[in-house]
């Protein structure tokens, strides 16, 4: 398994606009977390301009499918996104 970081670059009014889509976003994320593919996720603060989700999966297609179903992306809250493979070398995840 590999680790990947999904980086969302979000709209300025993301915090205000996300409310109506939050339940569906969290449901989709929860499905991946239940399967052990989504390890951590959340918005970065001060400024609130990005979100970071950490995945552990065999390949990036799982993440791409998530993005293309995510209401935050579908409704324009996510201005752009990127997936980066992460070479984890230390920490409790390595145990």
Protein backbone atom coordinates (compact mmCIF):
# COMPACT_ATOMS: atom_id res chain seq x y z
CA UNK A 1 0.00 0.00 0.00
CA UNK A 2 1.05 3.56 -0.71
CA UNK A 3 0.27 6.84 1.01
CA UNK A 4 -1.15 9.77 -0.95
CA UNK A 5 -2.02 13.34 -0.03
CA UNK A 6 -5.08 14.86 -1.67
CA UNK A 7 -4.77 18.63 -1.57
CA UNK A 8 -7.86 20.73 -2.18
CA UNK A 9 -7.43 24.42 -2.99
CA UNK A 10 -10.78 25.88 -1.95
CA UNK A 11 -12.82 28.99 -2.72
CA UNK A 12 -12.65 32.02 -0.40
CA UNK A 13 -16.24 31.44 0.74
CA UNK A 14 -15.74 27.69 1.19
CA UNK A 15 -16.54 27.72 4.92
CA UNK A 16 -19.91 29.43 4.36
CA UNK A 17 -20.91 27.45 1.26
CA UNK A 18 -19.91 23.97 2.47
CA UNK A 19 -22.77 23.62 4.96
CA UNK A 20 -25.34 22.33 2.47
CA UNK A 21 -22.90 19.74 1.05
CA UNK A 22 -21.10 18.70 4.25
CA UNK A 23 -23.20 15.65 5.14
CA UNK A 24 -22.70 14.04 1.73
CA UNK A 25 -19.00 14.93 1.70
CA UNK A 26 -18.53 13.33 5.13
CA UNK A 27 -20.58 10.26 4.12
CA UNK A 28 -18.32 9.65 1.11
CA UNK A 29 -15.20 10.22 3.21
CA UNK A 30 -16.60 7.92 5.91
CA UNK A 31 -17.00 5.08 3.43
CA UNK A 32 -13.32 5.31 2.53
CA UNK A 33 -12.31 5.63 6.19
CA UNK A 34 -14.35 2.53 7.06
CA UNK A 35 -12.43 0.61 4.39
CA UNK A 36 -9.12 1.91 5.77
CA UNK A 37 -8.30 3.89 2.63
CA UNK A 38 -8.79 7.39 4.09
CA UNK A 39 -6.53 7.88 7.10
CA UNK A 40 -7.04 11.57 7.97
CA UNK A 41 -8.79 14.55 6.48
CA UNK A 42 -9.66 18.13 7.27
CA UNK A 43 -9.44 21.79 6.35
CA UNK A 44 -6.29 23.80 6.94
CA UNK A 45 -6.84 26.99 8.91
CA UNK A 46 -5.53 30.54 9.06
CA UNK A 47 -6.02 30.95 6.19
CA UNK A 48 -8.90 28.62 5.32
CA UNK A 49 -7.70 28.12 1.76
CA UNK A 50 -6.88 24.42 1.57
CA UNK A 51 -7.92 21.01 2.78
CA UNK A 52 -5.72 17.94 3.18
CA UNK A 53 -6.80 14.31 3.04
CA UNK A 54 -4.34 11.46 3.59
CA UNK A 55 -5.05 8.14 1.91
CA UNK A 56 -3.47 4.70 2.18
CA UNK A 57 -4.35 2.70 -0.90
CA UNK A 58 -2.80 0.69 -3.72
CA UNK A 59 -3.25 3.39 -6.32
CA UNK A 60 -4.58 6.87 -6.89
CA UNK A 61 -7.73 5.79 -8.76
CA UNK A 62 -9.57 5.44 -5.42
CA UNK A 63 -8.81 9.08 -4.70
CA UNK A 64 -9.74 10.27 -8.17
CA UNK A 65 -13.13 8.51 -7.87
CA UNK A 66 -13.68 10.22 -4.51
CA UNK A 67 -12.93 13.67 -5.94
CA UNK A 68 -15.27 13.20 -8.89
CA UNK A 69 -18.13 12.22 -6.52
CA UNK A 70 -17.39 14.83 -3.84
CA UNK A 71 -20.06 17.55 -3.73
CA UNK A 72 -17.41 20.08 -2.66
CA UNK A 73 -15.73 19.56 -6.04
CA UNK A 74 -18.96 19.15 -8.01
CA UNK A 75 -20.38 22.46 -6.70
CA UNK A 76 -17.26 24.58 -7.18
CA UNK A 77 -16.01 24.82 -3.60
CA UNK A 78 -12.79 23.14 -4.73
CA UNK A 79 -11.04 25.39 -7.25
CA UNK A 80 -8.31 22.88 -7.99
CA UNK A 81 -6.95 19.69 -6.54
CA UNK A 82 -3.84 17.58 -6.70
CA UNK A 83 -2.78 14.13 -5.60
CA UNK A 84 0.77 13.60 -4.41
CA UNK A 85 2.31 10.27 -3.49
CA UNK A 86 3.80 10.51 -0.02
CA UNK A 87 6.90 8.57 0.94
CA UNK A 88 6.23 7.94 4.65
CA UNK A 89 9.40 6.90 6.48
CA UNK A 90 8.52 7.24 10.17
CA UNK A 91 5.61 7.45 12.59
CA UNK A 92 2.98 5.18 14.09
CA UNK A 93 1.58 4.37 10.63
CA UNK A 94 4.77 2.43 9.94
CA UNK A 95 4.15 -0.09 12.75
